[in-house]
Amino acid sequence: MKTHLILYVSDQARSTQFYSAVLGFAPCLNVSGMTEFKLNDGCKLGLMPESGIKKLLGEKLPNPTLGWGIPRAEIYIHVDDPALFQKRAIENGANELSPVDKRNWGDLAGYSLDPDGHMIVFAKAIHSTGPKLKSFTQRTFSNAPWEQKVGYCRAIRMGNSIAVTGTTSVTDDGKIFAAENPYGQAKRCLEIIEKAITPLGGARKDIIRTRIFVTDISKWQEFGRAHGEFFADHPPATTMVEVKALIDPEMLVEIEADAILP
């Protein structure tokens, strides 16, 4: 059996942005009238404009906009770190009802309301004798033009481990940043990496390994200077190797990173 949960929302774009930030991954479907997030292999969370369901069912359904002021639905989601998800929800506009705490049914659980008044509960079983559920896989995306073409995300978290895709020096709109500047490009790569792991609960200090691919190893001191400054307080293991070329001739360096959360 597969489950498809659908929330009626007043602003589909706003709710899509909210749940993308809170869940830590992009929707698997996002078209006019429906957004879907794959929570696991058997469950999807859908977002449908409330005006759409009213139009579909007409007078058979009270106007959903009249339901404000009361909890409209409850979504109870088991995650590895309820406090992290609760924190992200609040940072993105949720109204906290009850902080994460031990509940008498055996879960750690925190309660909040999303922008449309739906109750979201992030929980974790304290003790369980049943089979262990698969951990959530969380992803972040940078909207680089190559992500969709090649089929990858900027960073992915499973459990307490985060892997970051090889990252180059580009601007938010995909243009090369700091052309012909080895130091500037390396610094930009590391900034993008840090930005990618932050929504997944990671920080600079959690990065344990980097791999630096450069097109001209004779410039190693400039690449290394950026790396050394960035990780001055928490130096990770690293490797620097020369490669024949990167995807764009103006790219001088690409950096991968791995992080482990405490």
Protein backbone atom coordinates (compact mmCIF):
# COMPACT_ATOMS: atom_id res chain seq x y z
CA MET A 1 0.00 0.00 0.00
CA LYS A 2 1.21 3.49 -0.86
CA THR A 3 0.01 6.69 0.77
CA HIS A 4 -0.41 10.12 -0.81
CA LEU A 5 -1.11 12.92 1.70
CA ILE A 6 -2.39 16.18 0.24
CA LEU A 7 -2.50 19.50 2.09
CA TYR A 8 -4.69 22.33 0.83
CA VAL A 9 -2.61 25.53 0.77
CA SER A 10 -3.39 29.16 0.07
CA ASP A 11 -0.11 29.87 -1.78
CA GLN A 12 1.45 26.91 -3.58
CA ALA A 13 4.78 28.65 -4.26
CA ARG A 14 5.19 29.78 -0.65
CA SER A 15 4.34 26.34 0.73
CA THR A 16 6.68 24.68 -1.78
CA GLN A 17 9.52 26.92 -0.64
CA PHE A 18 8.67 26.24 3.03
CA TYR A 19 8.61 22.44 2.74
CA SER A 20 11.70 22.34 0.50
CA ALA A 21 13.64 24.22 3.19
CA VAL A 22 12.23 22.21 6.11
CA LEU A 23 12.54 18.74 4.56
CA GLY A 24 15.92 19.53 3.02
CA PHE A 25 15.16 18.33 -0.50
CA ALA A 26 13.39 19.47 -3.66
CA PRO A 27 9.93 18.26 -4.74
CA CYS A 28 9.70 15.36 -7.18
CA LEU A 29 6.83 17.17 -8.95
CA ASN A 30 6.12 20.88 -9.08
CA VAL A 31 3.52 22.00 -11.59
CA SER A 32 0.65 24.43 -11.49
CA GLY A 33 -1.96 22.93 -9.18
CA MET A 34 0.19 20.29 -7.45
CA THR A 35 3.55 19.93 -5.73
CA GLU A 36 4.75 16.55 -4.47
CA PHE A 37 7.55 15.55 -2.09
CA LYS A 38 8.64 11.90 -1.92
CA LEU A 39 8.97 11.19 1.80
CA ASN A 40 9.89 7.55 1.23
CA ASP A 41 9.14 4.76 -1.25
CA GLY A 42 5.59 4.39 0.02
CA CYS A 43 4.53 7.94 0.86
CA LYS A 44 4.28 11.31 -0.88
CA LEU A 45 3.29 14.67 0.54
CA GLY A 46 1.27 16.81 -1.87
CA LEU A 47 0.47 20.53 -1.84
CA MET A 48 -2.68 21.61 -3.68
CA PRO A 49 -4.04 25.16 -3.91
CA GLU A 50 -7.19 25.35 -1.82
CA SER A 51 -8.88 27.25 -4.65
CA GLY A 52 -8.30 24.21 -6.86
CA ILE A 53 -10.06 21.70 -4.60
CA LYS A 54 -12.92 24.15 -4.11
CA LYS A 55 -13.30 24.48 -7.89
CA LEU A 56 -13.12 20.69 -8.28
CA LEU A 57 -15.79 19.80 -5.69
CA GLY A 58 -17.86 22.98 -5.85
CA GLU A 59 -20.65 23.30 -3.31
CA LYS A 60 -20.04 19.79 -1.93
CA LEU A 61 -17.16 21.20 0.11
CA PRO A 62 -17.10 24.19 2.49
CA ASN A 63 -14.68 26.85 1.36
CA PRO A 64 -11.24 25.79 2.74
CA THR A 65 -10.34 29.42 3.41
CA LEU A 66 -12.93 29.41 6.20
CA GLY A 67 -10.89 26.83 8.12
CA TRP A 68 -8.26 29.25 9.37
CA GLY A 69 -7.71 29.45 13.12
CA ILE A 70 -8.03 25.71 13.78
CA PRO A 71 -5.50 22.93 13.05
CA ARG A 72 -6.44 21.82 9.51
CA ALA A 73 -4.44 18.56 9.47
CA GLU A 74 -1.58 16.88 11.29
CA ILE A 75 1.49 15.44 9.56
CA TYR A 76 3.49 13.20 11.94
CA ILE A 77 6.94 12.45 10.50
CA HIS A 78 9.61 10.26 12.09
CA VAL A 79 13.11 11.67 11.47
CA ASP A 80 16.61 11.13 12.83
CA ASP A 81 16.86 14.59 14.41
CA PRO A 82 13.49 16.16 15.38
CA ALA A 83 15.17 19.25 16.86
CA LEU A 84 16.93 20.02 13.55
CA PHE A 85 13.69 19.75 11.54
CA GLN A 86 11.75 21.77 14.11
CA LYS A 87 14.45 24.47 14.02
CA ARG A 88 14.32 24.65 10.21
CA ALA A 89 10.53 24.88 10.29
CA ILE A 90 10.59 27.81 12.70
CA GLU A 91 13.36 29.57 10.75
CA ASN A 92 11.18 29.34 7.63
CA GLY A 93 8.03 30.79 9.18
CA ALA A 94 6.38 28.00 11.17
CA ASN A 95 4.72 28.84 14.48
CA GLU A 96 6.08 26.62 17.27
CA LEU A 97 3.36 25.10 19.43
CA SER A 98 5.46 22.81 21.60
CA PRO A 99 9.24 22.26 21.58
CA VAL A 100 10.76 18.83 21.05
CA ASP A 101 10.25 16.87 24.27
CA LYS A 102 9.70 13.32 25.51
CA ARG A 103 6.08 12.24 25.06
CA ASN A 104 4.27 9.61 27.10
CA TRP A 105 3.79 7.37 24.04
CA GLY A 106 7.56 6.87 23.75
CA ASP A 107 8.59 9.49 21.18
CA LEU A 108 10.61 12.66 21.22
CA ALA A 109 8.30 15.04 19.35
CA GLY A 110 7.96 18.73 18.58
CA TYR A 111 4.85 20.49 17.27
CA SER A 112 4.51 23.52 14.99
CA LEU A 113 2.07 25.03 12.49
CA ASP A 114 3.04 25.56 8.85
CA PRO A 115 2.07 28.81 7.06
CA ASP A 116 -1.39 27.37 6.26
CA GLY A 117 -2.17 26.18 9.78
CA HIS A 118 -1.37 22.49 9.27
CA MET A 119 0.21 20.88 12.30
CA ILE A 120 3.65 19.40 11.62
CA VAL A 121 5.14 16.97 14.12
CA PHE A 122 8.76 15.84 13.84
CA ALA A 123 9.38 12.83 16.05
CA LYS A 124 11.83 10.09 16.90
CA ALA A 125 11.13 6.89 18.80
CA ILE A 126 13.08 6.75 22.05
CA HIS A 127 12.73 3.00 22.41
CA SER A 128 11.48 0.62 19.76
CA THR A 129 11.32 -3.15 19.58
CA GLY A 130 10.11 -3.14 15.97
CA PRO A 131 12.17 -3.00 12.79
CA LYS A 132 14.28 0.11 12.35
CA LEU A 133 12.88 2.44 9.72
CA LYS A 134 15.11 3.66 6.93
CA SER A 135 16.62 7.08 7.59
CA PHE A 136 15.50 10.04 5.55
CA THR A 137 17.73 11.00 2.68
CA GLN A 138 18.06 14.78 2.47
CA ARG A 139 19.40 16.76 -0.46
CA THR A 140 20.26 20.34 -1.34
CA PHE A 141 20.43 21.86 -4.81
CA SER A 142 22.19 24.96 -6.10
CA ASN A 143 20.17 25.26 -9.35
CA ALA A 144 23.37 25.05 -11.40
CA PRO A 145 22.45 24.35 -15.05
CA TRP A 146 24.32 21.03 -14.98
CA GLU A 147 22.38 19.53 -12.05
CA GLN A 148 19.26 18.68 -14.03
CA LYS A 149 21.17 17.76 -17.20
CA VAL A 150 23.53 15.33 -15.48
CA GLY A 151 21.21 14.25 -12.68
CA TYR A 152 22.83 15.13 -9.36
CA CYS A 153 22.35 17.25 -6.26
CA ARG A 154 24.77 19.69 -4.66
CA ALA A 155 24.88 17.76 -1.37
CA ILE A 156 23.23 14.70 0.13
CA ARG A 157 22.86 13.60 3.76
CA MET A 158 22.21 10.07 4.98
CA GLY A 159 22.26 9.59 8.73
CA ASN A 160 25.08 11.75 10.08
CA SER A 161 27.13 11.73 6.86
CA ILE A 162 27.09 14.41 4.16
CA ALA A 163 28.70 14.15 0.72
CA VAL A 164 29.15 17.25 -1.45
CA THR A 165 29.36 17.04 -5.23
CA GLY A 166 32.46 18.39 -6.97
CA THR A 167 31.95 22.15 -6.77
CA THR A 168 33.30 24.80 -9.13
CA SER A 169 33.51 28.58 -8.93
CA VAL A 170 30.23 29.88 -10.37
CA THR A 171 27.80 32.67 -9.60
CA ASP A 172 24.16 32.05 -8.69
CA ASP A 173 23.22 32.36 -12.36
CA GLY A 174 25.85 29.86 -13.52
CA LYS A 175 28.58 32.23 -14.75
CA ILE A 176 32.26 31.71 -13.94
CA PHE A 177 33.33 33.57 -10.79
CA ALA A 178 36.87 34.98 -10.49
CA ALA A 179 38.12 33.95 -13.93
CA GLU A 180 41.93 33.50 -14.11
CA ASN A 181 42.13 33.78 -10.31
CA PRO A 182 43.14 30.48 -8.62
CA TYR A 183 42.74 31.83 -5.08
CA GLY A 184 39.38 33.48 -5.78
CA GLN A 185 37.96 30.39 -7.47
CA ALA A 186 39.03 28.04 -4.67
CA LYS A 187 37.55 30.35 -2.05
CA ARG A 188 34.27 30.53 -3.96
CA CYS A 189 34.11 26.71 -4.22
CA LEU A 190 34.46 26.38 -0.46
CA GLU A 191 31.82 29.02 0.21
CA ILE A 192 29.34 27.14 -2.01
CA ILE A 193 30.17 23.89 -0.19
CA GLU A 194 29.49 25.47 3.20
CA LYS A 195 26.21 26.92 1.93
CA ALA A 196 25.17 23.47 0.64
CA ILE A 197 25.70 21.60 3.92
CA THR A 198 24.13 24.22 6.20
CA PRO A 199 20.47 23.29 5.44
CA LEU A 200 21.41 19.65 6.11
CA GLY A 201 22.58 20.50 9.63
CA GLY A 202 26.28 20.65 8.76
CA ALA A 203 28.88 23.30 9.46
CA ARG A 204 32.42 24.08 8.32
CA LYS A 205 33.86 22.31 11.37
CA ASP A 206 32.09 19.06 10.38
CA ILE A 207 33.97 18.73 7.07
CA ILE A 208 36.50 15.91 7.47
CA ARG A 209 37.87 15.55 3.93
CA THR A 210 38.24 17.57 0.74
CA ARG A 211 39.49 16.62 -2.72
CA ILE A 212 40.90 19.44 -4.86
CA PHE A 213 41.11 19.00 -8.63
CA VAL A 214 43.12 21.71 -10.42
CA THR A 215 44.02 22.31 -14.05
CA ASP A 216 47.46 23.76 -13.24
CA ILE A 217 49.28 22.24 -10.26
CA SER A 218 51.98 24.92 -10.49
CA LYS A 219 49.39 27.28 -8.91
CA TRP A 220 49.05 24.99 -5.88
CA GLN A 221 50.07 27.70 -3.44
CA GLU A 222 47.15 29.94 -4.45
CA PHE A 223 44.63 27.10 -4.27
CA GLY A 224 46.17 25.98 -0.99
CA ARG A 225 46.11 29.46 0.51
CA ALA A 226 42.34 29.69 0.05
CA HIS A 227 41.89 26.21 1.53
CA GLY A 228 44.18 26.98 4.46
CA GLU A 229 42.41 30.23 5.34
CA PHE A 230 38.97 28.63 5.09
CA PHE A 231 39.86 25.70 7.35
CA ALA A 232 42.29 27.50 9.66
CA ASP A 233 40.44 26.38 12.81
CA HIS A 234 39.29 22.93 11.66
CA PRO A 235 41.68 21.51 9.02
CA PRO A 236 40.35 18.38 7.27
CA ALA A 237 42.19 15.65 5.40
CA THR A 238 42.71 16.67 1.78
CA THR A 239 44.16 15.75 -1.62
CA MET A 240 45.18 18.03 -4.49
CA VAL A 241 45.69 16.58 -7.96
CA GLU A 242 46.06 18.01 -11.45
CA VAL A 243 43.50 17.05 -14.10
CA LYS A 244 43.53 17.59 -17.85
CA ALA A 245 40.43 19.84 -17.93
CA LEU A 246 37.18 20.72 -16.20
CA ILE A 247 33.74 21.16 -17.77
CA ASP A 248 34.43 24.80 -18.71
CA PRO A 249 37.86 26.03 -19.90
CA GLU A 250 37.66 29.01 -17.52
CA MET A 251 37.27 26.73 -14.48
CA LEU A 252 40.59 26.31 -12.69
CA VAL A 253 39.52 24.20 -9.69
CA GLU A 254 36.82 21.81 -8.51
CA ILE A 255 36.46 20.71 -4.88
CA GLU A 256 34.58 17.78 -3.33
CA ALA A 257 33.89 17.51 0.39
CA ASP A 258 32.68 14.98 2.96
CA ALA A 259 31.30 15.86 6.37
CA ILE A 260 30.30 13.83 9.43
CA LEU A 261 27.91 15.37 11.94
CA PRO A 262 28.48 14.78 15.67
